């Protein structure tokens, strides 16, 4: 007995150690998000686009800086003259030209546009970061909900299996009819099918998370219901959130930059009518050795200004101005549409959060009520005032309430994050805050 008890204690200790090790290795939302910032292809594409956009500034600045060109050639010459006869000789020349723009309206506008494009790229990368947080959170909690559905299907299947065995025993002893057995068997078969569907859905949800982090996810940390708190939005009113979005929305900033770029494009197109003025410096060195005249050397240096005045370009400049004006109007309408869309998204997310809080609380009470109903129904069956089908229905209602509760809980978390993204204030610290409620 002592040896058996000692062996049992060792087995229990080993199982506990394995359980603790598994819990310690569970991946939480924060670790998944950090991995996604490195491995998510969509986010890395946004980072590459941001890095490419940084080069717009030096490219725009280049139009204001001097340009230097060098050309050189070496030629073999054959001449035949009635005066000096024929001669074959080599010649070479070297030319260096430097140009400094003094006034080019188009280049000035292009440089200002480059500044805006860099600023817009920064907003786009920040928006991609916020989008990544939402995508990771949705994929993460989709997996958790799918796991809950699998576990509830398994629990329901076990409970119905017990009822099925009881129905069979009652039928054998003659205290129940075969109808109870058929009813329990039908419920058991249906729950088995639901379990298969839930397992398939769990696999699909894990593969969706795999697409983001580039590997198959392991065990995920779950919501610690003892620590979880339903937080009301701050600021408290919908109008305040809309004002917050007007100041901070990244989508709005991106479209505002797009409108400013369209305005500058009009100025750039109109600059096609303006004159240009450049400072030029050139140096030329030519050498040769014809047989009839001896070696010759020619060197020249020129410094001056060059004025260019466009007179007529086939109405192309006027057409570009009309095109730019139309694109400016389009950008203005797009800006107004984005502003309205953001306000609508804020309203929807705000209502989802506030109503989500009420829904979670209501479902918490529904869980208590459903459990009480099941207990009373089982008691009623034992005393003969409730039927076997009543018990099955009460069990079904309890598991449905549990599923709805977790769905509402996860929807609340996602709505909370989406509200902050719509307002443009979603950061990594929000991921840390949500992650604190996981275990």
Foldseek 3Di string as FASTA:
>chain_A
DVVVVVVVVVVVVVVVVVVVVVVVPAAELLNLLVLLCVAFPVLVVLVVVLVVLLVLQVVLVVLQAKDKDKDKDKDWDWDADPVQGIWIKMKMKIKMKMKGWPDQQLSVLSNVLSVLSNVLSVLSSLLSSLVSSLLSLVLQLQLVLLVLQLVLLVVLLVVLVVQLVVQVVCVVVVNDPCVSNVVSVVVNVVSVVSNVVSVVSNVVSQVSSCNSSVDRHDHHWAFQVVPDDQDADPVHDLVVLLVLLVVAASVLSSLVSVLVSLVSQLSSLVSVQPKIKMWMKMKMWMWMQIPRPGIDIDIDIDTDMDIGGDDDDPCPSVVSNVVSVVSSVVSVVVSVVLSVVLSVLLVVLNCLQVVLVVQLVVLVVVLVVLVVQLVVLVVCVVVPNHDSVSNSVSSVSNSVSVSSNSVSVSSNLSSVSSNCNSSNNRDSVSSVVSSVRTD
